[in-house]
Full PDB file with SEQRES, HELIX, SHEET, SSBOND, CRYST1, ORIGX, SCALE, CONECT and MASTER records, all heavy atoms in Angstrom:
SEQRES   1 A   35  SER LEU ARG LEU SER CYS ALA ALA SER GLY SER ILE PHE          
SEQRES   2 A   35  SER ILE ASN ALA TYR GLY TRP TYR ARG GLN ALA PRO GLY          
SEQRES   3 A   35  LYS GLN ARG GLU LEU VAL ALA ALA ILE                          
SHEET    1 AA1 2 GLY A  19  ARG A  22  0                                        
SHEET    2 AA1 2 GLU A  30  ALA A  34 -1                                        
CRYST1    1.000    1.000    1.000  90.00  90.00  90.00 P 1           1          
ORIGX1      1.000000  0.000000  0.000000        0.00000                         
ORIGX2      0.000000  1.000000  0.000000        0.00000                         
ORIGX3      0.000000  0.000000  1.000000        0.00000                         
SCALE1      1.000000  0.000000  0.000000        0.00000                         
SCALE2      0.000000  1.000000  0.000000        0.00000                         
SCALE3      0.000000  0.000000  1.000000        0.00000                         
ATOM      1  N   SER A   1      -1.076   8.816  16.483  1.00  0.00           N  
ATOM      2  CA  SER A   1      -1.097   7.600  15.777  1.00  0.00           C  
ATOM      3  C   SER A   1      -2.252   7.661  14.747  1.00  0.00           C  
ATOM      4  O   SER A   1      -3.275   8.250  14.885  1.00  0.00           O  
ATOM      5  CB  SER A   1      -1.279   6.431  16.678  1.00  0.00           C  
ATOM      6  OG  SER A   1      -0.251   6.297  17.594  1.00  0.00           O  
ATOM      7  N   LEU A   2      -2.050   6.851  13.666  1.00  0.00           N  
ATOM      8  CA  LEU A   2      -3.126   6.658  12.668  1.00  0.00           C  
ATOM      9  C   LEU A   2      -3.064   5.131  12.224  1.00  0.00           C  
ATOM     10  O   LEU A   2      -1.924   4.551  12.190  1.00  0.00           O  
ATOM     11  CB  LEU A   2      -3.008   7.590  11.487  1.00  0.00           C  
ATOM     12  CG  LEU A   2      -3.388   8.972  11.578  1.00  0.00           C  
ATOM     13  CD1 LEU A   2      -3.049   9.710  10.322  1.00  0.00           C  
ATOM     14  CD2 LEU A   2      -4.929   9.060  11.902  1.00  0.00           C  
ATOM     15  N   ARG A   3      -4.166   4.595  11.852  1.00  0.00           N  
ATOM     16  CA  ARG A   3      -4.200   3.305  11.316  1.00  0.00           C  
ATOM     17  C   ARG A   3      -4.827   3.355   9.938  1.00  0.00           C  
ATOM     18  O   ARG A   3      -5.983   3.619   9.767  1.00  0.00           O  
ATOM     19  CB  ARG A   3      -4.948   2.346  12.175  1.00  0.00           C  
ATOM     20  CG  ARG A   3      -4.851   0.905  11.742  1.00  0.00           C  
ATOM     21  CD  ARG A   3      -5.911   0.045  12.409  1.00  0.00           C  
ATOM     22  NE  ARG A   3      -5.751  -1.389  12.219  1.00  0.00           N  
ATOM     23  CZ  ARG A   3      -6.774  -2.296  12.319  1.00  0.00           C  
ATOM     24  NH1 ARG A   3      -8.005  -1.833  12.581  1.00  0.00           N  
ATOM     25  NH2 ARG A   3      -6.568  -3.588  12.046  1.00  0.00           N  
ATOM     26  N   LEU A   4      -3.988   2.962   8.936  1.00  0.00           N  
ATOM     27  CA  LEU A   4      -4.484   3.000   7.537  1.00  0.00           C  
ATOM     28  C   LEU A   4      -5.012   1.564   7.180  1.00  0.00           C  
ATOM     29  O   LEU A   4      -4.418   0.560   7.625  1.00  0.00           O  
ATOM     30  CB  LEU A   4      -3.395   3.434   6.524  1.00  0.00           C  
ATOM     31  CG  LEU A   4      -2.725   4.686   6.808  1.00  0.00           C  
ATOM     32  CD1 LEU A   4      -1.719   5.037   5.717  1.00  0.00           C  
ATOM     33  CD2 LEU A   4      -3.776   5.860   6.941  1.00  0.00           C  
ATOM     34  N   SER A   5      -6.007   1.490   6.414  1.00  0.00           N  
ATOM     35  CA  SER A   5      -6.502   0.243   5.909  1.00  0.00           C  
ATOM     36  C   SER A   5      -6.616   0.225   4.399  1.00  0.00           C  
ATOM     37  O   SER A   5      -6.834   1.357   3.791  1.00  0.00           O  
ATOM     38  CB  SER A   5      -7.977  -0.044   6.494  1.00  0.00           C  
ATOM     39  OG  SER A   5      -7.892  -0.080   7.894  1.00  0.00           O  
ATOM     40  N   CYS A   6      -6.509  -0.895   3.744  1.00  0.00           N  
ATOM     41  CA  CYS A   6      -6.671  -0.975   2.322  1.00  0.00           C  
ATOM     42  C   CYS A   6      -7.280  -2.287   2.015  1.00  0.00           C  
ATOM     43  O   CYS A   6      -6.761  -3.407   2.304  1.00  0.00           O  
ATOM     44  CB  CYS A   6      -5.266  -0.930   1.558  1.00  0.00           C  
ATOM     45  SG  CYS A   6      -5.313  -1.153  -0.162  1.00  0.00           S  
ATOM     46  N   ALA A   7      -8.478  -2.234   1.459  1.00  0.00           N  
ATOM     47  CA  ALA A   7      -9.286  -3.417   1.153  1.00  0.00           C  
ATOM     48  C   ALA A   7      -9.298  -3.677  -0.357  1.00  0.00           C  
ATOM     49  O   ALA A   7      -9.581  -2.785  -1.117  1.00  0.00           O  
ATOM     50  CB  ALA A   7     -10.718  -3.283   1.711  1.00  0.00           C  
ATOM     51  N   ALA A   8      -9.066  -4.921  -0.666  1.00  0.00           N  
ATOM     52  CA  ALA A   8      -9.147  -5.266  -2.113  1.00  0.00           C  
ATOM     53  C   ALA A   8     -10.447  -6.021  -2.342  1.00  0.00           C  
ATOM     54  O   ALA A   8     -11.009  -6.703  -1.552  1.00  0.00           O  
ATOM     55  CB  ALA A   8      -7.966  -6.219  -2.405  1.00  0.00           C  
ATOM     56  N   SER A   9     -10.962  -5.749  -3.574  1.00  0.00           N  
ATOM     57  CA  SER A   9     -12.222  -6.409  -3.989  1.00  0.00           C  
ATOM     58  C   SER A   9     -12.201  -6.643  -5.428  1.00  0.00           C  
ATOM     59  O   SER A   9     -11.363  -6.132  -6.140  1.00  0.00           O  
ATOM     60  CB  SER A   9     -13.440  -5.482  -3.557  1.00  0.00           C  
ATOM     61  OG  SER A   9     -13.369  -4.184  -4.273  1.00  0.00           O  
ATOM     62  N   GLY A  10     -13.177  -7.376  -5.893  1.00  0.00           N  
ATOM     63  CA  GLY A  10     -13.197  -7.727  -7.294  1.00  0.00           C  
ATOM     64  C   GLY A  10     -12.808  -9.175  -7.554  1.00  0.00           C  
ATOM     65  O   GLY A  10     -12.907 -10.049  -6.631  1.00  0.00           O  
ATOM     66  N   SER A  11     -12.336  -9.461  -8.677  1.00  0.00           N  
ATOM     67  CA  SER A  11     -11.948 -10.750  -9.073  1.00  0.00           C  
ATOM     68  C   SER A  11     -10.556 -11.055  -8.418  1.00  0.00           C  
ATOM     69  O   SER A  11      -9.546 -10.530  -8.827  1.00  0.00           O  
ATOM     70  CB  SER A  11     -11.824 -10.966 -10.556  1.00  0.00           C  
ATOM     71  OG  SER A  11     -11.418 -12.274 -10.939  1.00  0.00           O  
ATOM     72  N   ILE A  12     -10.491 -11.912  -7.435  1.00  0.00           N  
ATOM     73  CA  ILE A  12      -9.342 -12.218  -6.705  1.00  0.00           C  
ATOM     74  C   ILE A  12      -9.154 -13.715  -6.451  1.00  0.00           C  
ATOM     75  O   ILE A  12     -10.021 -14.293  -5.754  1.00  0.00           O  
ATOM     76  CB  ILE A  12      -9.247 -11.456  -5.363  1.00  0.00           C  
ATOM     77  CG1 ILE A  12      -9.306  -9.980  -5.548  1.00  0.00           C  
ATOM     78  CG2 ILE A  12      -7.996 -11.851  -4.577  1.00  0.00           C  
ATOM     79  CD1 ILE A  12      -9.409  -9.168  -4.284  1.00  0.00           C  
ATOM     80  N   PHE A  13      -8.154 -14.316  -6.978  1.00  0.00           N  
ATOM     81  CA  PHE A  13      -7.872 -15.691  -6.667  1.00  0.00           C  
ATOM     82  C   PHE A  13      -6.883 -15.723  -5.462  1.00  0.00           C  
ATOM     83  O   PHE A  13      -7.051 -16.559  -4.570  1.00  0.00           O  
ATOM     84  CB  PHE A  13      -7.271 -16.397  -7.860  1.00  0.00           C  
ATOM     85  CG  PHE A  13      -6.877 -17.832  -7.622  1.00  0.00           C  
ATOM     86  CD1 PHE A  13      -7.843 -18.757  -7.448  1.00  0.00           C  
ATOM     87  CD2 PHE A  13      -5.527 -18.185  -7.414  1.00  0.00           C  
ATOM     88  CE1 PHE A  13      -7.496 -20.122  -7.231  1.00  0.00           C  
ATOM     89  CE2 PHE A  13      -5.198 -19.506  -7.136  1.00  0.00           C  
ATOM     90  CZ  PHE A  13      -6.148 -20.480  -7.086  1.00  0.00           C  
ATOM     91  N   SER A  14      -5.855 -14.948  -5.495  1.00  0.00           N  
ATOM     92  CA  SER A  14      -4.930 -14.850  -4.371  1.00  0.00           C  
ATOM     93  C   SER A  14      -4.204 -13.527  -4.420  1.00  0.00           C  
ATOM     94  O   SER A  14      -4.157 -12.843  -5.472  1.00  0.00           O  
ATOM     95  CB  SER A  14      -3.895 -15.986  -4.507  1.00  0.00           C  
ATOM     96  OG  SER A  14      -3.073 -15.849  -5.677  1.00  0.00           O  
ATOM     97  N   ILE A  15      -3.761 -13.066  -3.249  1.00  0.00           N  
ATOM     98  CA  ILE A  15      -2.953 -11.875  -3.093  1.00  0.00           C  
ATOM     99  C   ILE A  15      -1.594 -12.342  -2.592  1.00  0.00           C  
ATOM    100  O   ILE A  15      -1.497 -12.857  -1.508  1.00  0.00           O  
ATOM    101  CB  ILE A  15      -3.650 -10.917  -2.122  1.00  0.00           C  
ATOM    102  CG1 ILE A  15      -4.975 -10.532  -2.607  1.00  0.00           C  
ATOM    103  CG2 ILE A  15      -2.745  -9.694  -1.985  1.00  0.00           C  
ATOM    104  CD1 ILE A  15      -5.720  -9.612  -1.733  1.00  0.00           C  
ATOM    105  N   ASN A  16      -0.604 -12.097  -3.370  1.00  0.00           N  
ATOM    106  CA  ASN A  16       0.756 -12.581  -3.091  1.00  0.00           C  
ATOM    107  C   ASN A  16       1.520 -11.584  -2.248  1.00  0.00           C  
ATOM    108  O   ASN A  16       2.381 -12.077  -1.424  1.00  0.00           O  
ATOM    109  CB  ASN A  16       1.503 -12.770  -4.408  1.00  0.00           C  
ATOM    110  CG  ASN A  16       0.864 -13.847  -5.252  1.00  0.00           C  
ATOM    111  OD1 ASN A  16       0.424 -14.817  -4.781  1.00  0.00           O  
ATOM    112  ND2 ASN A  16       0.876 -13.665  -6.623  1.00  0.00           N  
ATOM    113  N   ALA A  17       1.268 -10.358  -2.302  1.00  0.00           N  
ATOM    114  CA  ALA A  17       2.010  -9.374  -1.462  1.00  0.00           C  
ATOM    115  C   ALA A  17       1.250  -8.054  -1.382  1.00  0.00           C  
ATOM    116  O   ALA A  17       0.495  -7.777  -2.305  1.00  0.00           O  
ATOM    117  CB  ALA A  17       3.425  -9.182  -2.022  1.00  0.00           C  
ATOM    118  N   TYR A  18       1.458  -7.347  -0.337  1.00  0.00           N  
ATOM    119  CA  TYR A  18       0.953  -5.969  -0.154  1.00  0.00           C  
ATOM    120  C   TYR A  18       2.110  -5.046   0.119  1.00  0.00           C  
ATOM    121  O   TYR A  18       3.145  -5.401   0.696  1.00  0.00           O  
ATOM    122  CB  TYR A  18       0.046  -5.904   1.022  1.00  0.00           C  
ATOM    123  CG  TYR A  18      -1.313  -6.601   0.991  1.00  0.00           C  
ATOM    124  CD1 TYR A  18      -1.541  -7.833   1.596  1.00  0.00           C  
ATOM    125  CD2 TYR A  18      -2.406  -5.969   0.322  1.00  0.00           C  
ATOM    126  CE1 TYR A  18      -2.768  -8.360   1.500  1.00  0.00           C  
ATOM    127  CE2 TYR A  18      -3.592  -6.577   0.297  1.00  0.00           C  
ATOM    128  CZ  TYR A  18      -3.780  -7.798   0.877  1.00  0.00           C  
ATOM    129  OH  TYR A  18      -5.027  -8.433   0.839  1.00  0.00           O  
ATOM    130  N   GLY A  19       1.894  -3.826  -0.274  1.00  0.00           N  
ATOM    131  CA  GLY A  19       2.876  -2.763   0.087  1.00  0.00           C  
ATOM    132  C   GLY A  19       2.195  -1.455   0.428  1.00  0.00           C  
ATOM    133  O   GLY A  19       1.114  -1.144  -0.108  1.00  0.00           O  
ATOM    134  N   TRP A  20       2.804  -0.675   1.212  1.00  0.00           N  
ATOM    135  CA  TRP A  20       2.428   0.693   1.482  1.00  0.00           C  
ATOM    136  C   TRP A  20       3.510   1.618   1.043  1.00  0.00           C  
ATOM    137  O   TRP A  20       4.707   1.478   1.371  1.00  0.00           O  
ATOM    138  CB  TRP A  20       2.154   0.927   2.989  1.00  0.00           C  
ATOM    139  CG  TRP A  20       0.808   0.401   3.507  1.00  0.00           C  
ATOM    140  CD1 TRP A  20       0.588  -0.727   4.132  1.00  0.00           C  
ATOM    141  CD2 TRP A  20      -0.444   0.994   3.303  1.00  0.00           C  
ATOM    142  NE1 TRP A  20      -0.725  -0.893   4.438  1.00  0.00           N  
ATOM    143  CE2 TRP A  20      -1.398   0.163   3.949  1.00  0.00           C  
ATOM    144  CE3 TRP A  20      -0.852   2.228   2.719  1.00  0.00           C  
ATOM    145  CZ2 TRP A  20      -2.741   0.513   4.019  1.00  0.00           C  
ATOM    146  CZ3 TRP A  20      -2.204   2.524   2.772  1.00  0.00           C  
ATOM    147  CH2 TRP A  20      -3.197   1.661   3.363  1.00  0.00           C  
ATOM    148  N   TYR A  21       3.132   2.602   0.220  1.00  0.00           N  
ATOM    149  CA  TYR A  21       4.075   3.667  -0.255  1.00  0.00           C  
ATOM    150  C   TYR A  21       3.548   4.948   0.145  1.00  0.00           C  
ATOM    151  O   TYR A  21       2.391   5.161   0.496  1.00  0.00           O  
ATOM    152  CB  TYR A  21       4.153   3.561  -1.808  1.00  0.00           C  
ATOM    153  CG  TYR A  21       4.758   2.346  -2.369  1.00  0.00           C  
ATOM    154  CD1 TYR A  21       4.142   1.073  -2.373  1.00  0.00           C  
ATOM    155  CD2 TYR A  21       6.119   2.334  -2.883  1.00  0.00           C  
ATOM    156  CE1 TYR A  21       4.743  -0.041  -2.863  1.00  0.00           C  
ATOM    157  CE2 TYR A  21       6.648   1.235  -3.420  1.00  0.00           C  
ATOM    158  CZ  TYR A  21       6.057   0.024  -3.413  1.00  0.00           C  
ATOM    159  OH  TYR A  21       6.576  -1.089  -3.936  1.00  0.00           O  
ATOM    160  N   ARG A  22       4.341   5.936   0.068  1.00  0.00           N  
ATOM    161  CA  ARG A  22       3.997   7.361   0.293  1.00  0.00           C  
ATOM    162  C   ARG A  22       4.706   8.304  -0.621  1.00  0.00           C  
ATOM    163  O   ARG A  22       5.834   8.011  -1.101  1.00  0.00           O  
ATOM    164  CB  ARG A  22       4.212   7.724   1.720  1.00  0.00           C  
ATOM    165  CG  ARG A  22       5.647   7.853   2.159  1.00  0.00           C  
ATOM    166  CD  ARG A  22       5.816   8.141   3.681  1.00  0.00           C  
ATOM    167  NE  ARG A  22       7.160   8.285   4.092  1.00  0.00           N  
ATOM    168  CZ  ARG A  22       7.555   8.334   5.346  1.00  0.00           C  
ATOM    169  NH1 ARG A  22       6.589   8.271   6.334  1.00  0.00           N  
ATOM    170  NH2 ARG A  22       8.765   8.477   5.655  1.00  0.00           N  
ATOM    171  N   GLN A  23       4.098   9.416  -0.876  1.00  0.00           N  
ATOM    172  CA  GLN A  23       4.682  10.360  -1.727  1.00  0.00           C  
ATOM    173  C   GLN A  23       4.404  11.791  -1.188  1.00  0.00           C  
ATOM    174  O   GLN A  23       3.216  12.181  -1.068  1.00  0.00           O  
ATOM    175  CB  GLN A  23       4.160  10.313  -3.158  1.00  0.00           C  
ATOM    176  CG  GLN A  23       4.821  11.211  -4.206  1.00  0.00           C  
ATOM    177  CD  GLN A  23       4.564  10.864  -5.589  1.00  0.00           C  
ATOM    178  OE1 GLN A  23       3.499  10.216  -5.865  1.00  0.00           O  
ATOM    179  NE2 GLN A  23       5.412  11.203  -6.496  1.00  0.00           N  
ATOM    180  N   ALA A  24       5.409  12.486  -0.839  1.00  0.00           N  
ATOM    181  CA  ALA A  24       5.292  13.810  -0.386  1.00  0.00           C  
ATOM    182  C   ALA A  24       5.403  14.805  -1.506  1.00  0.00           C  
ATOM    183  O   ALA A  24       6.044  14.484  -2.544  1.00  0.00           O  
ATOM    184  CB  ALA A  24       6.307  14.164   0.670  1.00  0.00           C  
ATOM    185  N   PRO A  25       4.952  16.030  -1.396  1.00  0.00           N  
ATOM    186  CA  PRO A  25       5.062  16.990  -2.484  1.00  0.00           C  
ATOM    187  C   PRO A  25       6.561  17.247  -2.924  1.00  0.00           C  
ATOM    188  O   PRO A  25       7.419  17.442  -2.008  1.00  0.00           O  
ATOM    189  CB  PRO A  25       4.434  18.276  -1.868  1.00  0.00           C  
ATOM    190  CG  PRO A  25       3.543  17.834  -0.919  1.00  0.00           C  
ATOM    191  CD  PRO A  25       4.133  16.536  -0.291  1.00  0.00           C  
ATOM    192  N   GLY A  26       6.750  17.159  -4.217  1.00  0.00           N  
ATOM    193  CA  GLY A  26       8.188  17.377  -4.652  1.00  0.00           C  
ATOM    194  C   GLY A  26       9.016  16.249  -4.483  1.00  0.00           C  
ATOM    195  O   GLY A  26      10.284  16.367  -4.842  1.00  0.00           O  
ATOM    196  N   LYS A  27       8.583  15.057  -4.022  1.00  0.00           N  
ATOM    197  CA  LYS A  27       9.445  13.949  -3.785  1.00  0.00           C  
ATOM    198  C   LYS A  27       8.894  12.749  -4.538  1.00  0.00           C  
ATOM    199  O   LYS A  27       7.735  12.611  -4.880  1.00  0.00           O  
ATOM    200  CB  LYS A  27       9.570  13.624  -2.278  1.00  0.00           C  
ATOM    201  CG  LYS A  27      10.225  14.762  -1.495  1.00  0.00           C  
ATOM    202  CD  LYS A  27      10.317  14.347  -0.019  1.00  0.00           C  
ATOM    203  CE  LYS A  27      11.022  15.404   0.762  1.00  0.00           C  
ATOM    204  NZ  LYS A  27      11.128  15.016   2.256  1.00  0.00           N  
ATOM    205  N   GLN A  28       9.793  11.749  -4.710  1.00  0.00           N  
ATOM    206  CA  GLN A  28       9.428  10.508  -5.357  1.00  0.00           C  
ATOM    207  C   GLN A  28       8.664   9.692  -4.414  1.00  0.00           C  
ATOM    208  O   GLN A  28       8.811   9.715  -3.191  1.00  0.00           O  
ATOM    209  CB  GLN A  28      10.649   9.742  -5.880  1.00  0.00           C  
ATOM    210  CG  GLN A  28      11.333  10.508  -7.008  1.00  0.00           C  
ATOM    211  CD  GLN A  28      12.469   9.698  -7.566  1.00  0.00           C  
ATOM    212  OE1 GLN A  28      13.093   8.906  -6.850  1.00  0.00           O  
ATOM    213  NE2 GLN A  28      12.747   9.856  -8.840  1.00  0.00           N  
ATOM    214  N   ARG A  29       7.842   8.727  -5.011  1.00  0.00           N  
ATOM    215  CA  ARG A  29       7.107   7.810  -4.194  1.00  0.00           C  
ATOM    216  C   ARG A  29       8.121   6.781  -3.589  1.00  0.00           C  
ATOM    217  O   ARG A  29       9.018   6.360  -4.344  1.00  0.00           O  
ATOM    218  CB  ARG A  29       6.072   7.050  -4.994  1.00  0.00           C  
ATOM    219  CG  ARG A  29       5.146   6.122  -4.258  1.00  0.00           C  
ATOM    220  CD  ARG A  29       4.103   5.543  -5.142  1.00  0.00           C  
ATOM    221  NE  ARG A  29       3.230   6.639  -5.710  1.00  0.00           N  
ATOM    222  CZ  ARG A  29       2.158   6.440  -6.453  1.00  0.00           C  
ATOM    223  NH1 ARG A  29       1.741   5.226  -6.657  1.00  0.00           N  
ATOM    224  NH2 ARG A  29       1.419   7.424  -6.951  1.00  0.00           N  
ATOM    225  N   GLU A  30       7.962   6.515  -2.333  1.00  0.00           N  
ATOM    226  CA  GLU A  30       8.902   5.536  -1.685  1.00  0.00           C  
ATOM    227  C   GLU A  30       8.111   4.432  -0.951  1.00  0.00           C  
ATOM    228  O   GLU A  30       6.971   4.688  -0.495  1.00  0.00           O  
ATOM    229  CB  GLU A  30       9.731   6.306  -0.652  1.00  0.00           C  
ATOM    230  CG  GLU A  30       8.996   6.960   0.527  1.00  0.00           C  
ATOM    231  CD  GLU A  30       9.898   7.569   1.539  1.00  0.00           C  
ATOM    232  OE1 GLU A  30      11.184   7.333   1.469  1.00  0.00           O  
ATOM    233  OE2 GLU A  30       9.386   8.369   2.340  1.00  0.00           O  
ATOM    234  N   LEU A  31       8.721   3.346  -0.913  1.00  0.00           N  
ATOM    235  CA  LEU A  31       8.152   2.171  -0.167  1.00  0.00           C  
ATOM    236  C   LEU A  31       8.288   2.439   1.384  1.00  0.00           C  
ATOM    237  O   LEU A  31       9.451   2.798   1.906  1.00  0.00           O  
ATOM    238  CB  LEU A  31       8.873   0.865  -0.522  1.00  0.00           C  
ATOM    239  CG  LEU A  31       8.516  -0.332   0.239  1.00  0.00           C  
ATOM    240  CD1 LEU A  31       7.111  -0.739  -0.104  1.00  0.00           C  
ATOM    241  CD2 LEU A  31       9.451  -1.498  -0.050  1.00  0.00           C  
ATOM    242  N   VAL A  32       7.155   2.291   2.025  1.00  0.00           N  
ATOM    243  CA  VAL A  32       7.219   2.399   3.491  1.00  0.00           C  
ATOM    244  C   VAL A  32       7.262   0.982   4.196  1.00  0.00           C  
ATOM    245  O   VAL A  32       8.053   0.810   5.092  1.00  0.00           O  
ATOM    246  CB  VAL A  32       5.925   3.130   4.016  1.00  0.00           C  
ATOM    247  CG1 VAL A  32       5.833   3.216   5.498  1.00  0.00           C  
ATOM    248  CG2 VAL A  32       5.922   4.539   3.337  1.00  0.00           C  
ATOM    249  N   ALA A  33       6.449   0.069   3.734  1.00  0.00           N  
ATOM    250  CA  ALA A  33       6.454  -1.221   4.337  1.00  0.00           C  
ATOM    251  C   ALA A  33       5.856  -2.168   3.336  1.00  0.00           C  
ATOM    252  O   ALA A  33       5.009  -1.781   2.455  1.00  0.00           O  
ATOM    253  CB  ALA A  33       5.581  -1.264   5.614  1.00  0.00           C  
ATOM    254  N   ALA A  34       6.195  -3.466   3.472  1.00  0.00           N  
ATOM    255  CA  ALA A  34       5.632  -4.516   2.641  1.00  0.00           C  
ATOM    256  C   ALA A  34       5.466  -5.783   3.466  1.00  0.00           C  
ATOM    257  O   ALA A  34       6.183  -5.993   4.375  1.00  0.00           O  
ATOM    258  CB  ALA A  34       6.607  -4.766   1.384  1.00  0.00           C  
ATOM    259  N   ILE A  35       4.546  -6.529   2.995  1.00  0.00           N  
ATOM    260  CA  ILE A  35       4.320  -7.833   3.691  1.00  0.00           C  
ATOM    261  C   ILE A  35       4.101  -8.927   2.561  1.00  0.00           C  
ATOM    262  O   ILE A  35       3.236  -8.656   1.662  1.00  0.00           O  
ATOM    263  CB  ILE A  35       3.187  -7.813   4.680  1.00  0.00           C  
ATOM    264  CG1 ILE A  35       3.021  -9.116   5.451  1.00  0.00           C  
ATOM    265  CG2 ILE A  35       1.854  -7.395   4.010  1.00  0.00           C  
ATOM    266  CD1 ILE A  35       2.143  -9.063   6.657  1.00  0.00           C  
TER     267      ILE A  35                                                      
MASTER        0    0    0    0    2    0    0    6  266    1    0    3          
END                                                                             
């Protein structure tokens, strides 16, 4: 198992959605999960 984190910083009024994507060598980037 692994747990990935992604922190947003800077000028932020609101965050409407998040997504996790991945890209393997030779392949297109694909959506893994969204909230």
